[in-house]
Amino acid sequence: MALNVNRNVQDPFYRYKMPRLVAKVEGKGNGVKTVIPNMVDIARALARPPTYCTKYFGCELGAQTQFDFKNDRYIINGSHDAAKLQDMLDGFIKKFVLCEQCDNPETVFKVQAKKGMIASSCLACGYVFPLDMTHKLTTFILKNPPEQDINSQGTSLTKRKGKKGRKKDEENNGDDHVNGNGNGNGTIEEAADDNEANDDDDWGDDDDWSADVSEEAVKKRMKELTSGITTLAMDNDLEKTEGERIDIFHDFLKTKLKENGNSVITQDKEIFTEAERLEVTNKATIVLCELLFNENILGQIKKNKRALLRFTHENQKAQKYLLGGLEKTIETQREALLPKTAAILKLMYDEDIIDEEVLLEWAKKVSKKYVSKELSEQIHKKAEPLITWLKEAEEESSDEDEDELELEFDERAKISSLKEKEDTPPPTPISELGKQVNGTNGKTPAVAPAAPAEDEDDLDIDDI
């Protein structure tokens, strides 16, 4: 069954399709592995080498991967469910296939290995944007850049341009080169001749083999080596415990504050990216409270609003951790900040940093997770005016909605009664009504109106 490449699109006529991922678990014990037999077909639908998708799974799962190009076998160590891998593939598509602007999967990569950058260009809308280089897969892409074409097996073609502009397809498993006819049956002598010709073409006549030993060039090379080591260290950070990763983020934020004069106004995006890389986006708000706030917290909230919103916008879990961080901040500046508890939370609410639902949920229970139970009770007590105000505002809003409904009903009722009055003839006097009932006017109504007993007696008396 074919799936939409962008599974957020529910249109059945969406033209970008891919096959559903198939996973086959092989082996037992320590030798268990998951083979994706249709990885080549998936990669062809995404216009990406199958090695990229497989390596992405390995990065996300922390598992080793293997590529058997000859048999089209793409393997991930360990036992993994097909549905889980399919969901993980959506993440690969979002990060490395879809265009940031139009969400179409018609993008191509341009790898700049020397600069350590990968640019993505959309063929549909023409938008060009850089990839997020914090993901481990980008290191693999820099070392194994894609070519413009993908062959029938889904593996990339390595283009080698010489004086004659010939193309050679070289397999990674050490097989003989394909001969000029493309039938794969070339002799060893022909392959040797091809290799010799290609080697001559690749060297070129004007290549300069002398190394630049100037002080500037040496510094540049040292910087590249250092950045490479840093990248390797960053890649290993995800293997550490959550506590260690939070400490890394703490040191990173502390360094940024020193560099920018205790301000993160211009560094908010970089700080959020680092938290995403370390996978501590939710709990990072506790670190923000620790390093950004002191006794002048009200002014600091407004100053750092944008940085806080990057973490808490539409993320209620991060908002809950932010409340915990505020409790710890109040603990460090107890005398100055405890009386301001309601004002602090009110400002967080006014600036849309913390949602009303989160505040009301937080107020229901006194927790000793971040501070002592005694202090937590005091904080909740100081916050009572704000919580009461939120509840009353919610109740008033509900009452207003009900009043509006009743008002609309009353107006409709008035209009209806007016119409009835216009259409109804003027009332008949009692004496005339008596004549009509007794037939004195020569007409008998089809249905006589039901009158109370007292009315009948009155009518009889009038007739007499």
Protein backbone atom coordinates (compact mmCIF):
# COMPACT_ATOMS: atom_id res chain seq x y z
CA MET A 1 0.00 0.00 0.00
CA ALA A 2 1.43 3.38 -1.02
CA LEU A 3 1.67 6.18 1.53
CA ASN A 4 1.94 9.93 1.12
CA VAL A 5 5.55 11.03 1.46
CA ASN A 6 4.36 13.79 3.77
CA ARG A 7 1.95 11.84 5.95
CA ASN A 8 0.53 15.06 7.42
CA VAL A 9 -1.18 15.50 4.04
CA GLN A 10 -4.42 13.50 4.01
CA ASP A 11 -5.27 14.13 0.35
CA PRO A 12 -5.68 10.72 -1.38
CA PHE A 13 -4.69 12.34 -4.71
CA TYR A 14 -1.38 13.65 -3.33
CA ARG A 15 1.13 12.86 -6.05
CA TYR A 16 4.18 12.18 -3.89
CA LYS A 17 3.90 8.55 -2.84
CA MET A 18 6.22 6.00 -1.23
CA PRO A 19 5.84 2.32 -0.34
CA ARG A 20 5.05 1.32 3.23
CA LEU A 21 8.22 0.30 5.09
CA VAL A 22 8.73 -3.44 5.58
CA ALA A 23 10.93 -4.76 8.39
CA LYS A 24 12.14 -8.33 8.74
CA VAL A 25 13.81 -9.47 11.99
CA GLU A 26 16.54 -12.08 11.58
CA GLY A 27 18.77 -13.95 14.01
CA LYS A 28 18.57 -14.47 17.75
CA GLY A 29 20.25 -13.24 20.88
CA ASN A 30 23.15 -10.88 20.35
CA GLY A 31 23.03 -11.53 16.61
CA VAL A 32 19.49 -10.27 16.08
CA LYS A 33 19.13 -7.69 13.31
CA THR A 34 16.39 -5.96 11.33
CA VAL A 35 16.52 -6.01 7.52
CA ILE A 36 14.52 -3.52 5.43
CA PRO A 37 14.00 -5.35 2.12
CA ASN A 38 12.28 -2.45 0.34
CA MET A 39 14.67 0.29 1.43
CA VAL A 40 15.79 0.84 -2.18
CA ASP A 41 12.21 1.52 -3.29
CA ILE A 42 11.64 3.91 -0.39
CA ALA A 43 14.89 5.74 -1.13
CA ARG A 44 13.99 6.07 -4.81
CA ALA A 45 10.63 7.62 -3.87
CA LEU A 46 12.43 10.12 -1.61
CA ALA A 47 15.23 10.81 -4.13
CA ARG A 48 17.81 10.00 -1.47
CA PRO A 49 20.43 7.23 -1.27
CA PRO A 50 19.17 4.29 0.81
CA THR A 51 22.27 4.58 2.97
CA TYR A 52 20.99 7.93 4.31
CA CYS A 53 17.68 6.50 5.51
CA THR A 54 19.35 3.46 7.07
CA LYS A 55 22.03 5.54 8.76
CA TYR A 56 19.34 7.88 10.11
CA PHE A 57 17.64 4.92 11.79
CA GLY A 58 20.98 3.93 13.31
CA CYS A 59 21.55 7.45 14.67
CA GLU A 60 18.07 7.65 16.18
CA LEU A 61 18.16 4.16 17.70
CA GLY A 62 21.82 4.21 18.74
CA ALA A 63 22.39 1.04 16.72
CA GLN A 64 25.01 0.01 14.18
CA THR A 65 24.02 -0.27 10.51
CA GLN A 66 25.28 -2.40 7.63
CA PHE A 67 24.95 -2.00 3.86
CA ASP A 68 25.04 -4.94 1.45
CA PHE A 69 24.88 -3.15 -1.90
CA LYS A 70 25.21 -6.31 -3.98
CA ASN A 71 22.08 -7.92 -2.47
CA ASP A 72 20.24 -4.68 -1.66
CA ARG A 73 20.20 -5.49 2.05
CA TYR A 74 20.11 -2.57 4.48
CA ILE A 75 20.48 -3.77 8.05
CA ILE A 76 20.01 -2.27 11.52
CA ASN A 77 21.35 -4.17 14.52
CA GLY A 78 18.68 -5.18 17.02
CA SER A 79 14.99 -6.04 16.75
CA HIS A 80 12.83 -3.11 15.61
CA ASP A 81 9.14 -2.87 14.76
CA ALA A 82 8.09 -1.76 11.27
CA ALA A 83 5.53 0.75 12.62
CA LYS A 84 8.17 2.37 14.83
CA LEU A 85 10.60 2.63 11.91
CA GLN A 86 7.84 4.10 9.71
CA ASP A 87 7.22 6.85 12.28
CA MET A 88 10.97 7.43 12.49
CA LEU A 89 11.10 7.73 8.71
CA ASP A 90 8.67 10.66 8.99
CA GLY A 91 11.33 12.45 11.03
CA PHE A 92 13.93 11.82 8.32
CA ILE A 93 11.55 13.15 5.66
CA LYS A 94 10.83 16.29 7.66
CA LYS A 95 14.52 17.04 8.36
CA PHE A 96 16.17 15.92 5.12
CA VAL A 97 13.56 15.73 2.33
CA LEU A 98 10.77 18.31 2.64
CA CYS A 99 11.24 21.95 1.67
CA GLU A 100 11.04 24.36 4.61
CA GLN A 101 8.89 26.78 2.62
CA CYS A 102 6.47 24.74 0.49
CA ASP A 103 6.70 21.28 2.17
CA ASN A 104 7.22 19.57 -1.19
CA PRO A 105 9.74 16.68 -1.32
CA GLU A 106 11.49 18.01 -4.44
CA THR A 107 14.75 19.05 -2.79
CA VAL A 108 18.36 18.31 -3.74
CA PHE A 109 21.48 18.57 -1.60
CA LYS A 110 24.55 20.67 -2.27
CA VAL A 111 27.36 19.53 0.02
CA GLN A 112 30.15 21.95 0.89
CA ALA A 113 32.53 19.60 2.70
CA LYS A 114 35.27 22.18 3.27
CA LYS A 115 32.85 24.56 4.99
CA GLY A 116 31.05 21.72 6.75
CA MET A 117 27.72 22.88 5.34
CA ILE A 118 24.86 21.20 3.50
CA ALA A 119 22.42 23.32 1.54
CA SER A 120 19.06 22.09 0.30
CA SER A 121 17.48 23.53 -2.84
CA CYS A 122 13.80 23.06 -3.70
CA LEU A 123 13.05 22.38 -7.37
CA ALA A 124 9.37 23.20 -6.85
CA CYS A 125 9.56 26.72 -5.40
CA GLY A 126 13.25 27.58 -5.78
CA TYR A 127 13.81 28.10 -2.04
CA VAL A 128 17.37 27.43 -0.80
CA PHE A 129 18.06 26.80 2.89
CA PRO A 130 20.82 25.25 5.04
CA LEU A 131 20.26 21.98 6.87
CA ASP A 132 20.47 21.73 10.64
CA MET A 133 24.03 20.45 11.12
CA THR A 134 23.47 19.27 14.69
CA HIS A 135 22.10 15.87 13.64
CA LYS A 136 24.60 13.01 13.47
CA LEU A 137 23.50 12.08 9.95
CA THR A 138 24.99 15.30 8.55
CA THR A 139 28.48 14.03 9.41
CA PHE A 140 27.79 10.92 7.34
CA ILE A 141 26.42 13.02 4.46
CA LEU A 142 29.51 15.26 4.46
CA LYS A 143 31.71 12.18 4.13
CA ASN A 144 29.39 10.51 1.61
CA PRO A 145 27.86 13.30 -0.50
CA PRO A 146 25.02 12.32 -2.84
CA GLU A 147 25.37 12.55 -6.60
CA GLN A 148 22.87 14.06 -8.97
CA ASP A 149 21.64 10.71 -10.27
CA ILE A 150 20.51 7.49 -8.58
CA ASN A 151 20.77 4.21 -10.43
CA SER A 152 18.16 1.49 -10.71
CA GLN A 153 19.36 -0.08 -7.46
CA GLY A 154 18.94 3.18 -5.57
CA THR A 155 22.65 3.64 -4.87
CA SER A 156 24.35 6.86 -5.89
CA LEU A 157 26.43 7.10 -9.05
CA THR A 158 29.93 8.46 -8.57
CA LYS A 159 30.68 10.83 -11.43
CA ARG A 160 34.30 11.13 -12.37
CA LYS A 161 35.10 13.72 -15.04
CA GLY A 162 38.39 13.46 -16.90
CA LYS A 163 39.68 14.88 -20.13
CA LYS A 164 37.21 12.76 -22.08
CA GLY A 165 34.30 13.37 -19.66
CA ARG A 166 33.65 9.65 -19.09
CA LYS A 167 31.54 8.29 -16.22
CA LYS A 168 32.47 5.29 -14.09
CA ASP A 169 30.31 3.35 -11.64
CA GLU A 170 32.51 2.03 -8.85
CA GLU A 171 30.99 -0.35 -6.32
CA ASN A 172 32.04 -0.23 -2.66
CA ASN A 173 32.22 -4.02 -2.26
CA GLY A 174 35.31 -4.37 -4.47
CA ASP A 175 33.64 -5.88 -7.57
CA ASP A 176 35.16 -5.41 -11.05
CA HIS A 177 34.33 -2.18 -12.83
CA VAL A 178 31.57 -2.21 -15.40
CA ASN A 179 32.90 -2.09 -18.92
CA GLY A 180 32.07 0.46 -21.60
CA ASN A 181 29.02 -1.52 -22.76
CA GLY A 182 27.50 -1.47 -19.28
CA ASN A 183 26.97 -5.27 -19.18
CA GLY A 184 29.24 -5.93 -16.20
CA ASN A 185 31.28 -8.55 -18.09
CA GLY A 186 34.43 -6.56 -18.84
CA THR A 187 37.78 -8.32 -18.60
CA ILE A 188 40.38 -7.60 -15.95
CA GLU A 189 42.64 -5.99 -18.58
CA GLU A 190 39.84 -3.62 -19.65
CA ALA A 191 39.14 -2.69 -16.05
CA ALA A 192 42.83 -2.05 -15.49
CA ASP A 193 42.98 0.17 -18.58
CA ASP A 194 39.92 2.08 -17.38
CA ASN A 195 41.45 2.59 -13.93
CA GLU A 196 44.71 3.80 -15.43
CA ALA A 197 42.91 6.24 -17.73
CA ASN A 198 40.76 7.54 -14.89
CA ASP A 199 43.76 7.93 -12.63
CA ASP A 200 45.50 10.01 -15.31
CA ASP A 201 42.38 12.12 -15.72
CA ASP A 202 41.96 12.67 -12.01
CA TRP A 203 45.51 13.83 -11.40
CA GLY A 204 45.28 16.65 -13.96
CA ASP A 205 48.20 18.57 -15.40
CA ASP A 206 47.95 21.66 -13.27
CA ASP A 207 47.62 20.22 -9.77
CA ASP A 208 49.89 21.78 -7.18
CA TRP A 209 51.16 19.21 -4.66
CA SER A 210 53.11 21.63 -2.50
CA ALA A 211 51.69 22.26 0.99
CA ASP A 212 51.14 25.77 2.23
CA VAL A 213 53.23 26.05 5.40
CA SER A 214 52.50 29.68 6.15
CA GLU A 215 51.43 30.58 9.68
CA GLU A 216 47.91 31.45 8.54
CA ALA A 217 47.48 28.16 6.65
CA VAL A 218 48.76 26.15 9.62
CA LYS A 219 46.28 27.93 11.95
CA LYS A 220 43.47 27.22 9.51
CA ARG A 221 44.29 23.51 9.36
CA MET A 222 44.53 23.33 13.15
CA LYS A 223 41.14 25.01 13.43
CA GLU A 224 39.59 22.46 11.06
CA LEU A 225 41.09 19.61 13.07
CA THR A 226 39.79 21.11 16.30
CA SER A 227 36.30 21.56 14.87
CA GLY A 228 36.34 17.94 13.73
CA ILE A 229 37.22 16.76 17.23
CA THR A 230 34.50 19.00 18.67
CA THR A 231 31.94 17.47 16.31
CA LEU A 232 32.92 13.98 17.40
CA ALA A 233 32.58 15.01 21.05
CA MET A 234 29.16 16.54 20.37
CA ASP A 235 28.00 13.35 18.69
CA ASN A 236 28.93 11.36 21.81
CA ASP A 237 26.92 13.64 24.10
CA LEU A 238 23.67 11.79 23.35
CA GLU A 239 25.17 8.62 24.79
CA LYS A 240 25.43 10.30 28.21
CA THR A 241 22.78 10.30 30.94
CA GLU A 242 20.10 12.97 31.08
CA GLY A 243 21.72 14.58 34.11
CA GLU A 244 25.05 14.85 32.31
CA ARG A 245 23.37 16.35 29.24
CA ILE A 246 21.61 18.94 31.41
CA ASP A 247 25.01 19.84 32.92
CA ILE A 248 26.39 20.29 29.39
CA PHE A 249 23.51 22.63 28.54
CA HIS A 250 24.08 24.50 31.82
CA ASP A 251 27.74 25.11 30.94
CA PHE A 252 26.79 26.11 27.38
CA LEU A 253 24.24 28.68 28.57
CA LYS A 254 26.64 30.01 31.19
CA THR A 255 29.28 30.55 28.52
CA LYS A 256 26.82 32.38 26.27
CA LEU A 257 25.81 34.68 29.11
CA LYS A 258 29.44 35.60 29.76
CA GLU A 259 30.05 36.28 26.07
CA ASN A 260 26.98 38.52 25.74
CA GLY A 261 26.96 40.42 29.02
CA ASN A 262 24.41 38.27 30.88
CA SER A 263 21.94 38.51 27.99
CA VAL A 264 20.54 35.88 25.62
CA ILE A 265 18.41 38.24 23.54
CA THR A 266 20.40 37.58 20.35
CA GLN A 267 21.35 33.98 21.18
CA ASP A 268 17.93 32.49 21.88
CA LYS A 269 17.78 30.39 18.71
CA GLU A 270 21.26 28.98 19.21
CA ILE A 271 20.45 28.11 22.83
CA PHE A 272 17.23 26.34 21.84
CA THR A 273 19.08 24.40 19.11
CA GLU A 274 21.63 23.20 21.66
CA ALA A 275 18.85 22.02 23.99
CA GLU A 276 17.24 20.16 21.07
CA ARG A 277 20.58 18.54 20.20
CA LEU A 278 21.00 17.33 23.77
CA GLU A 279 17.31 16.28 23.89
CA VAL A 280 16.64 18.28 27.10
CA THR A 281 14.19 20.84 25.67
CA ASN A 282 11.62 20.41 28.46
CA LYS A 283 13.90 20.44 31.49
CA ALA A 284 16.08 23.19 30.03
CA THR A 285 13.60 25.72 31.47
CA ILE A 286 14.87 24.87 34.97
CA VAL A 287 18.38 25.84 33.87
CA LEU A 288 17.04 29.06 32.34
CA CYS A 289 15.48 30.02 35.68
CA GLU A 290 18.70 29.30 37.53
CA LEU A 291 20.94 31.39 35.28
CA LEU A 292 18.60 34.15 34.05
CA PHE A 293 16.66 35.15 37.18
CA ASN A 294 17.54 36.81 40.48
CA GLU A 295 15.81 39.35 42.74
CA ASN A 296 15.05 41.51 39.65
CA ILE A 297 13.01 38.71 38.10
CA LEU A 298 10.09 40.84 36.88
CA GLY A 299 12.28 42.88 34.55
CA GLN A 300 14.26 39.79 33.53
CA ILE A 301 11.12 37.95 32.46
CA LYS A 302 10.25 40.73 30.00
CA LYS A 303 13.86 40.97 28.83
CA ASN A 304 14.16 37.23 28.11
CA LYS A 305 10.59 36.67 26.94
CA ARG A 306 11.58 35.49 23.46
CA ALA A 307 14.04 32.91 24.78
CA LEU A 308 11.45 31.56 27.22
CA LEU A 309 8.76 31.36 24.52
CA ARG A 310 11.03 29.25 22.32
CA PHE A 311 10.86 26.55 24.98
CA THR A 312 7.31 26.94 26.35
CA HIS A 313 5.20 27.87 23.30
CA GLU A 314 2.62 25.07 22.89
CA ASN A 315 4.71 22.88 25.21
CA GLN A 316 2.90 22.43 28.52
CA LYS A 317 5.48 19.97 29.82
CA ALA A 318 8.19 22.63 29.53
CA GLN A 319 5.84 25.08 31.26
CA LYS A 320 5.46 22.71 34.22
CA TYR A 321 9.23 22.42 34.56
CA LEU A 322 9.43 26.21 34.31
CA LEU A 323 7.13 26.48 37.35
CA GLY A 324 9.46 24.12 39.18
CA GLY A 325 12.41 26.32 38.20
CA LEU A 326 10.55 29.39 39.52
CA GLU A 327 10.01 27.64 42.85
CA LYS A 328 13.76 26.98 43.09
CA THR A 329 14.50 30.61 42.17
CA ILE A 330 12.15 31.82 44.90
CA GLU A 331 13.97 29.52 47.32
CA THR A 332 17.33 31.16 46.55
CA GLN A 333 15.89 34.70 46.99
CA ARG A 334 13.21 33.84 49.52
CA GLU A 335 12.83 37.16 51.32
CA ALA A 336 12.77 39.23 48.12
CA LEU A 337 10.73 36.96 45.83
CA LEU A 338 8.24 35.09 48.03
CA PRO A 339 5.99 38.17 48.47
CA LYS A 340 6.11 38.71 44.68
CA THR A 341 4.95 35.17 43.82
CA ALA A 342 1.54 36.23 42.49
CA ALA A 343 3.07 39.09 40.47
CA ILE A 344 5.68 36.74 38.95
CA LEU A 345 3.10 34.17 37.89
CA LYS A 346 0.73 36.90 36.65
CA LEU A 347 3.48 38.31 34.42
CA MET A 348 4.27 34.84 33.08
CA TYR A 349 0.55 34.47 32.27
CA ASP A 350 0.24 37.94 30.68
CA GLU A 351 3.28 37.31 28.45
CA ASP A 352 1.79 33.96 27.29
CA ILE A 353 4.79 32.09 28.66
CA ILE A 354 2.61 29.89 30.91
CA ASP A 355 -0.94 28.86 30.00
CA GLU A 356 -3.95 29.27 32.29
CA GLU A 357 -4.58 25.50 32.30
CA VAL A 358 -1.05 24.80 33.54
CA LEU A 359 -1.35 27.34 36.36
CA LEU A 360 -4.70 25.95 37.53
CA GLU A 361 -3.36 22.40 37.39
CA TRP A 362 -0.23 23.43 39.34
CA ALA A 363 -2.38 25.09 42.03
CA LYS A 364 -4.31 21.88 42.75
CA LYS A 365 -1.41 20.11 44.44
CA VAL A 366 1.43 21.16 46.75
CA SER A 367 4.57 19.31 45.67
CA LYS A 368 7.95 18.89 47.35
CA LYS A 369 9.67 17.88 44.12
CA TYR A 370 11.71 21.09 43.77
CA VAL A 371 11.59 22.74 47.22
CA SER A 372 10.55 21.75 50.73
CA LYS A 373 6.88 21.09 51.37
CA GLU A 374 6.74 24.00 53.80
CA LEU A 375 8.05 26.48 51.23
CA SER A 376 5.86 24.98 48.51
CA GLU A 377 2.78 25.58 50.69
CA GLN A 378 3.83 29.19 51.24
CA ILE A 379 4.34 29.72 47.50
CA HIS A 380 0.91 28.29 46.75
CA LYS A 381 -0.65 30.47 49.45
CA LYS A 382 0.97 33.61 47.98
CA ALA A 383 -0.35 32.59 44.55
CA GLU A 384 -3.96 32.18 45.76
CA PRO A 385 -5.11 35.69 44.68
CA LEU A 386 -4.02 34.98 41.10
CA ILE A 387 -5.57 31.50 41.06
CA THR A 388 -8.85 32.88 42.48
CA TRP A 389 -8.86 35.62 39.86
CA LEU A 390 -8.33 33.08 37.06
CA LYS A 391 -11.16 30.89 38.33
CA GLU A 392 -13.57 33.82 38.70
CA ALA A 393 -12.69 35.13 35.23
CA GLU A 394 -13.42 31.68 33.83
CA GLU A 395 -16.79 31.52 35.63
CA GLU A 396 -17.76 35.04 34.46
CA SER A 397 -16.90 34.11 30.91
CA SER A 398 -19.13 31.07 31.19
CA ASP A 399 -22.00 33.18 32.62
CA GLU A 400 -21.68 35.74 29.83
CA ASP A 401 -21.98 33.01 27.25
CA GLU A 402 -25.22 31.81 28.87
CA ASP A 403 -26.65 35.38 29.06
CA GLU A 404 -26.00 35.92 25.40
CA LEU A 405 -27.94 32.81 24.52
CA GLU A 406 -30.92 33.88 26.67
CA LEU A 407 -30.91 37.38 25.13
CA GLU A 408 -31.07 35.98 21.64
CA PHE A 409 -33.98 33.74 22.61
CA ASP A 410 -35.91 36.62 24.21
CA GLU A 411 -35.57 38.82 21.12
CA ARG A 412 -36.79 36.07 18.88
CA ALA A 413 -39.76 35.55 21.21
CA LYS A 414 -40.66 39.26 21.07
CA ILE A 415 -40.56 39.30 17.29
CA SER A 416 -42.79 36.25 17.14
CA SER A 417 -45.37 37.79 19.48
CA LEU A 418 -45.48 41.02 17.49
CA LYS A 419 -46.28 39.12 14.32
CA GLU A 420 -49.07 37.25 16.05
CA LYS A 421 -50.61 40.51 17.26
CA GLU A 422 -50.53 41.99 13.77
CA ASP A 423 -52.27 38.97 12.24
CA THR A 424 -54.91 38.52 15.01
CA PRO A 425 -58.21 40.50 14.60
CA PRO A 426 -59.34 42.81 17.43
CA PRO A 427 -61.01 41.05 20.37
CA THR A 428 -64.79 40.59 20.29
CA PRO A 429 -66.81 42.23 23.12
CA ILE A 430 -68.34 39.89 25.62
CA SER A 431 -71.90 40.73 24.49
CA GLU A 432 -71.11 39.99 20.87
CA LEU A 433 -69.34 36.78 21.87
CA GLY A 434 -72.53 35.72 23.66
CA LYS A 435 -74.60 36.36 20.53
CA GLN A 436 -72.23 34.29 18.43
CA VAL A 437 -72.31 31.40 20.86
CA ASN A 438 -76.18 31.45 20.93
CA GLY A 439 -76.43 31.79 17.13
CA THR A 440 -78.16 35.22 17.26
CA ASN A 441 -75.96 36.52 14.47
CA GLY A 442 -77.01 33.68 12.22
CA LYS A 443 -73.55 32.04 12.19
CA THR A 444 -72.37 29.04 14.16
CA PRO A 445 -68.58 28.61 14.67
CA ALA A 446 -67.09 25.31 13.56
CA VAL A 447 -65.61 24.72 17.01
CA ALA A 448 -67.02 26.51 20.01
CA PRO A 449 -64.33 27.89 22.32
CA ALA A 450 -64.10 26.16 25.66
CA ALA A 451 -65.03 28.68 28.34
CA PRO A 452 -64.92 28.29 32.10
CA ALA A 453 -68.15 27.59 33.97
CA GLU A 454 -68.26 31.10 35.42
CA ASP A 455 -68.17 32.59 31.90
CA GLU A 456 -71.15 30.47 30.88
CA ASP A 457 -73.17 31.72 33.84
CA ASP A 458 -72.33 35.32 32.96
CA LEU A 459 -73.42 34.77 29.38
CA ASP A 460 -76.75 33.32 30.51
CA ILE A 461 -77.37 36.29 32.77
CA ASP A 462 -76.65 38.78 29.96
CA ASP A 463 -79.05 37.01 27.61
CA ILE A 464 -81.79 37.11 30.17
